[in-house]
N, C-alpha and C. Protein backbone atom coordinates (compact mmCIF):
# COMPACT_ATOMS: atom_id res chain seq x y z
N UNK A 1 0.85 -1.18 0.00
CA UNK A 1 0.00 0.00 0.00
C UNK A 1 0.89 1.24 0.00
N UNK A 2 0.62 2.12 -0.91
CA UNK A 2 1.43 3.33 -1.00
C UNK A 2 0.89 4.41 -0.08
N UNK A 3 1.71 5.39 0.21
CA UNK A 3 1.32 6.49 1.09
C UNK A 3 0.14 7.29 0.53
N UNK A 4 0.13 7.63 -0.78
CA UNK A 4 -1.03 8.37 -1.29
C UNK A 4 -2.33 7.58 -1.17
N UNK A 5 -2.26 6.25 -1.36
CA UNK A 5 -3.46 5.43 -1.24
C UNK A 5 -3.98 5.44 0.20
N UNK A 6 -3.08 5.37 1.16
CA UNK A 6 -3.46 5.40 2.57
C UNK A 6 -4.10 6.73 2.95
N UNK A 7 -3.52 7.83 2.51
CA UNK A 7 -4.09 9.13 2.85
C UNK A 7 -5.41 9.36 2.14
N UNK A 8 -5.58 8.76 0.96
CA UNK A 8 -6.84 8.88 0.24
C UNK A 8 -7.98 8.27 1.04
N UNK A 9 -7.72 7.11 1.66
CA UNK A 9 -8.75 6.47 2.48
C UNK A 9 -9.19 7.37 3.62
N UNK A 10 -8.24 8.05 4.22
CA UNK A 10 -8.57 8.92 5.34
C UNK A 10 -9.30 10.18 4.88
N UNK A 11 -9.15 10.55 3.62
CA UNK A 11 -9.89 11.69 3.09
C UNK A 11 -11.30 11.29 2.70
N UNK A 12 -11.53 10.04 2.36
CA UNK A 12 -12.87 9.57 1.98
C UNK A 12 -13.75 9.47 3.21
N UNK A 13 -13.27 8.83 4.27
CA UNK A 13 -14.06 8.65 5.49
C UNK A 13 -13.65 9.72 6.49
N UNK A 14 -14.58 10.61 6.80
CA UNK A 14 -14.29 11.70 7.73
C UNK A 14 -14.35 11.22 9.18
N UNK A 15 -15.53 10.69 9.58
CA UNK A 15 -15.71 10.18 10.94
C UNK A 15 -17.01 9.41 11.01
N UNK A 16 -17.18 8.68 12.12
CA UNK A 16 -18.43 7.96 12.34
C UNK A 16 -19.55 8.96 12.62
N UNK A 17 -20.75 8.63 12.19
CA UNK A 17 -21.92 9.47 12.38
C UNK A 17 -22.82 8.76 13.38
N UNK A 18 -22.95 9.33 14.58
CA UNK A 18 -23.64 8.64 15.67
C UNK A 18 -24.93 9.37 16.03
N UNK A 19 -26.05 8.65 15.90
CA UNK A 19 -27.36 9.13 16.33
C UNK A 19 -28.05 7.97 17.04
N UNK A 20 -29.21 8.23 17.62
CA UNK A 20 -29.95 7.13 18.25
C UNK A 20 -30.31 6.07 17.21
N UNK A 21 -30.72 6.53 16.03
CA UNK A 21 -31.08 5.59 14.96
C UNK A 21 -29.88 4.75 14.53
N UNK A 22 -28.72 5.39 14.38
CA UNK A 22 -27.54 4.64 13.95
C UNK A 22 -27.09 3.64 15.02
N UNK A 23 -27.25 3.99 16.29
CA UNK A 23 -26.91 3.05 17.37
C UNK A 23 -27.85 1.85 17.34
N UNK A 24 -29.13 2.09 17.08
CA UNK A 24 -30.12 1.01 16.98
C UNK A 24 -29.78 0.10 15.79
N UNK A 25 -29.44 0.71 14.66
CA UNK A 25 -29.06 -0.08 13.48
C UNK A 25 -27.80 -0.89 13.73
N UNK A 26 -26.88 -0.34 14.51
CA UNK A 26 -25.65 -1.05 14.82
C UNK A 26 -25.98 -2.33 15.59
N UNK A 27 -26.87 -2.24 16.56
CA UNK A 27 -27.21 -3.40 17.37
C UNK A 27 -28.08 -4.41 16.62
N UNK A 28 -29.06 -3.92 15.88
CA UNK A 28 -30.05 -4.81 15.27
C UNK A 28 -29.70 -5.28 13.86
N UNK A 29 -29.01 -4.44 13.07
CA UNK A 29 -28.82 -4.76 11.66
C UNK A 29 -27.35 -4.82 11.23
N UNK A 30 -26.43 -4.75 12.17
CA UNK A 30 -24.99 -4.84 11.88
C UNK A 30 -24.54 -3.73 10.91
N UNK A 31 -24.99 -2.48 11.17
CA UNK A 31 -24.68 -1.34 10.32
C UNK A 31 -23.98 -0.24 11.10
N UNK A 32 -23.16 0.54 10.41
CA UNK A 32 -22.55 1.75 10.94
C UNK A 32 -22.74 2.86 9.92
N UNK A 33 -22.76 4.10 10.40
CA UNK A 33 -22.85 5.24 9.50
C UNK A 33 -21.60 6.08 9.62
N UNK A 34 -21.13 6.59 8.47
CA UNK A 34 -19.95 7.43 8.42
C UNK A 34 -20.25 8.67 7.60
N UNK A 35 -19.66 9.80 8.00
CA UNK A 35 -19.67 10.99 7.16
C UNK A 35 -18.50 10.80 6.20
N UNK A 36 -18.80 10.91 4.90
CA UNK A 36 -17.78 10.68 3.88
C UNK A 36 -17.69 11.88 2.95
N UNK A 37 -16.65 11.91 2.16
CA UNK A 37 -16.47 12.97 1.17
C UNK A 37 -17.63 12.93 0.18
N UNK A 38 -18.20 14.08 -0.14
CA UNK A 38 -19.36 14.14 -1.04
C UNK A 38 -19.05 13.59 -2.42
N UNK A 39 -17.80 13.64 -2.85
CA UNK A 39 -17.42 13.18 -4.19
C UNK A 39 -17.16 11.67 -4.23
N UNK A 40 -17.09 11.01 -3.09
CA UNK A 40 -16.74 9.59 -3.04
C UNK A 40 -17.89 8.72 -3.54
N UNK A 41 -17.55 7.72 -4.32
CA UNK A 41 -18.55 6.77 -4.81
C UNK A 41 -18.73 5.66 -3.78
N UNK A 42 -19.77 4.87 -3.96
CA UNK A 42 -19.99 3.73 -3.05
C UNK A 42 -18.81 2.77 -3.09
N UNK A 43 -18.28 2.51 -4.27
CA UNK A 43 -17.15 1.59 -4.41
C UNK A 43 -15.92 2.12 -3.66
N UNK A 44 -15.67 3.41 -3.75
CA UNK A 44 -14.53 4.00 -3.03
C UNK A 44 -14.74 3.92 -1.52
N UNK A 45 -15.96 4.17 -1.06
CA UNK A 45 -16.25 4.08 0.37
C UNK A 45 -16.07 2.64 0.84
N UNK A 46 -16.55 1.68 0.05
CA UNK A 46 -16.41 0.26 0.41
C UNK A 46 -14.93 -0.12 0.54
N UNK A 47 -14.12 0.26 -0.44
CA UNK A 47 -12.67 -0.05 -0.38
C UNK A 47 -12.03 0.59 0.83
N UNK A 48 -12.40 1.84 1.11
CA UNK A 48 -11.81 2.55 2.25
C UNK A 48 -12.18 1.89 3.57
N UNK A 49 -13.45 1.54 3.76
CA UNK A 49 -13.90 0.91 5.01
C UNK A 49 -13.24 -0.45 5.17
N UNK A 50 -13.23 -1.25 4.11
CA UNK A 50 -12.65 -2.60 4.20
C UNK A 50 -11.16 -2.56 4.53
N UNK A 51 -10.43 -1.64 3.94
CA UNK A 51 -8.99 -1.61 4.20
C UNK A 51 -8.67 -0.93 5.53
N UNK A 52 -9.47 0.07 5.91
CA UNK A 52 -9.21 0.79 7.15
C UNK A 52 -9.54 -0.06 8.39
N UNK A 53 -10.65 -0.82 8.33
CA UNK A 53 -11.10 -1.58 9.49
C UNK A 53 -10.93 -3.09 9.32
N UNK A 54 -10.31 -3.54 8.23
CA UNK A 54 -10.02 -4.96 7.99
C UNK A 54 -11.27 -5.81 8.18
N UNK A 55 -12.27 -5.55 7.33
CA UNK A 55 -13.55 -6.25 7.41
C UNK A 55 -14.10 -6.42 6.01
N UNK A 56 -15.27 -7.04 5.90
CA UNK A 56 -15.96 -7.19 4.62
C UNK A 56 -17.29 -6.45 4.69
N UNK A 57 -17.58 -5.67 3.66
CA UNK A 57 -18.80 -4.89 3.59
C UNK A 57 -19.81 -5.63 2.73
N UNK A 58 -21.05 -5.76 3.22
CA UNK A 58 -22.11 -6.42 2.46
C UNK A 58 -22.81 -5.43 1.54
N UNK A 59 -23.10 -4.23 2.05
CA UNK A 59 -23.86 -3.26 1.26
C UNK A 59 -23.60 -1.85 1.77
N UNK A 60 -23.67 -0.89 0.86
CA UNK A 60 -23.52 0.52 1.23
C UNK A 60 -24.66 1.31 0.60
N UNK A 61 -25.28 2.16 1.41
CA UNK A 61 -26.24 3.14 0.88
C UNK A 61 -25.73 4.51 1.29
N UNK A 62 -26.05 5.51 0.48
CA UNK A 62 -25.60 6.86 0.79
C UNK A 62 -26.77 7.83 0.72
N UNK A 63 -26.62 8.93 1.45
CA UNK A 63 -27.62 10.00 1.41
C UNK A 63 -26.90 11.32 1.65
N UNK A 64 -27.45 12.37 1.08
CA UNK A 64 -26.91 13.71 1.27
C UNK A 64 -27.78 14.42 2.30
N UNK A 65 -27.15 14.92 3.35
CA UNK A 65 -27.85 15.67 4.41
C UNK A 65 -27.10 16.96 4.67
N UNK A 66 -27.60 17.75 5.57
CA UNK A 66 -26.97 19.05 5.87
C UNK A 66 -25.51 18.87 6.31
N UNK A 67 -25.20 17.81 7.04
CA UNK A 67 -23.85 17.58 7.53
C UNK A 67 -22.90 17.12 6.43
N UNK A 68 -23.43 16.72 5.29
CA UNK A 68 -22.60 16.22 4.19
C UNK A 68 -23.19 14.93 3.65
N UNK A 69 -22.33 14.06 3.19
CA UNK A 69 -22.76 12.77 2.64
C UNK A 69 -22.59 11.72 3.72
N UNK A 70 -23.67 10.97 3.98
CA UNK A 70 -23.65 9.92 5.00
C UNK A 70 -23.70 8.57 4.28
N UNK A 71 -22.77 7.70 4.61
CA UNK A 71 -22.75 6.34 4.07
C UNK A 71 -23.17 5.38 5.17
N UNK A 72 -24.21 4.59 4.91
CA UNK A 72 -24.63 3.55 5.83
C UNK A 72 -24.01 2.25 5.33
N UNK A 73 -23.19 1.63 6.17
CA UNK A 73 -22.42 0.46 5.78
C UNK A 73 -22.93 -0.75 6.55
N UNK A 74 -23.39 -1.78 5.82
CA UNK A 74 -23.78 -3.03 6.46
C UNK A 74 -22.65 -4.03 6.25
N UNK A 75 -22.23 -4.65 7.35
CA UNK A 75 -21.11 -5.59 7.32
C UNK A 75 -21.62 -7.01 7.16
N UNK A 76 -20.74 -7.90 6.66
CA UNK A 76 -21.10 -9.31 6.56
C UNK A 76 -21.24 -9.90 7.95
N UNK A 77 -21.85 -11.07 8.04
CA UNK A 77 -22.15 -11.68 9.34
C UNK A 77 -20.90 -12.02 10.15
N UNK A 78 -19.77 -12.21 9.46
CA UNK A 78 -18.53 -12.57 10.16
C UNK A 78 -17.97 -11.41 10.98
N UNK A 79 -18.40 -10.20 10.70
CA UNK A 79 -17.86 -9.01 11.36
C UNK A 79 -18.94 -8.30 12.15
N UNK A 80 -18.60 -7.88 13.36
CA UNK A 80 -19.54 -7.20 14.24
C UNK A 80 -19.39 -5.68 14.09
N UNK A 81 -20.51 -5.02 13.83
CA UNK A 81 -20.47 -3.56 13.71
C UNK A 81 -20.08 -2.92 15.04
N UNK A 82 -20.39 -3.58 16.16
CA UNK A 82 -20.01 -3.04 17.47
C UNK A 82 -18.50 -3.05 17.65
N UNK A 83 -17.83 -4.12 17.21
CA UNK A 83 -16.36 -4.17 17.28
C UNK A 83 -15.74 -3.11 16.38
N UNK A 84 -16.25 -3.00 15.16
CA UNK A 84 -15.72 -2.02 14.22
C UNK A 84 -16.03 -0.61 14.72
N UNK A 85 -17.21 -0.42 15.31
CA UNK A 85 -17.58 0.88 15.87
C UNK A 85 -16.64 1.31 16.98
N UNK A 86 -16.22 0.37 17.80
CA UNK A 86 -15.29 0.73 18.87
C UNK A 86 -13.94 1.16 18.30
N UNK A 87 -13.52 0.52 17.20
CA UNK A 87 -12.28 0.93 16.53
C UNK A 87 -12.43 2.28 15.84
N UNK A 88 -13.67 2.59 15.39
CA UNK A 88 -13.93 3.83 14.67
C UNK A 88 -14.17 5.00 15.63
N UNK A 89 -14.23 4.72 16.92
CA UNK A 89 -14.40 5.80 17.89
C UNK A 89 -15.84 6.13 18.22
N UNK A 90 -16.76 5.20 17.98
CA UNK A 90 -18.17 5.44 18.29
C UNK A 90 -18.39 5.46 19.79
N UNK A 91 -17.67 4.60 20.52
CA UNK A 91 -17.88 4.49 21.98
C UNK A 91 -16.87 5.31 22.72
C-alpha cells in the first residue's frame, strides 16, 4: 500500500456518524454510519472501510444531508459492527 493510497482512504471517510437511529441499526442490523467525502462513490467508500477496518462490507447506501454525505455500511455476518464501531471511535 502506497502512502497516497493510505491518505486517500482517510480523506474519503471523515468520521463515524452517531445518532440514536444509527446506534439502533448497529445493534439490530450490523450497520454503521460514516460521514464521507461528497465526491466519493460507493465503491470508493467500500474499499476505504474494508482496508481501514479490515472487514468485509455487504452493502452501502448513501444519502446527502446538511452535515454532508452519509454512508450507511452493512457488514457481513462474520464481522460485528459493534467491534468495528469501537475501533472507529463510536464508543
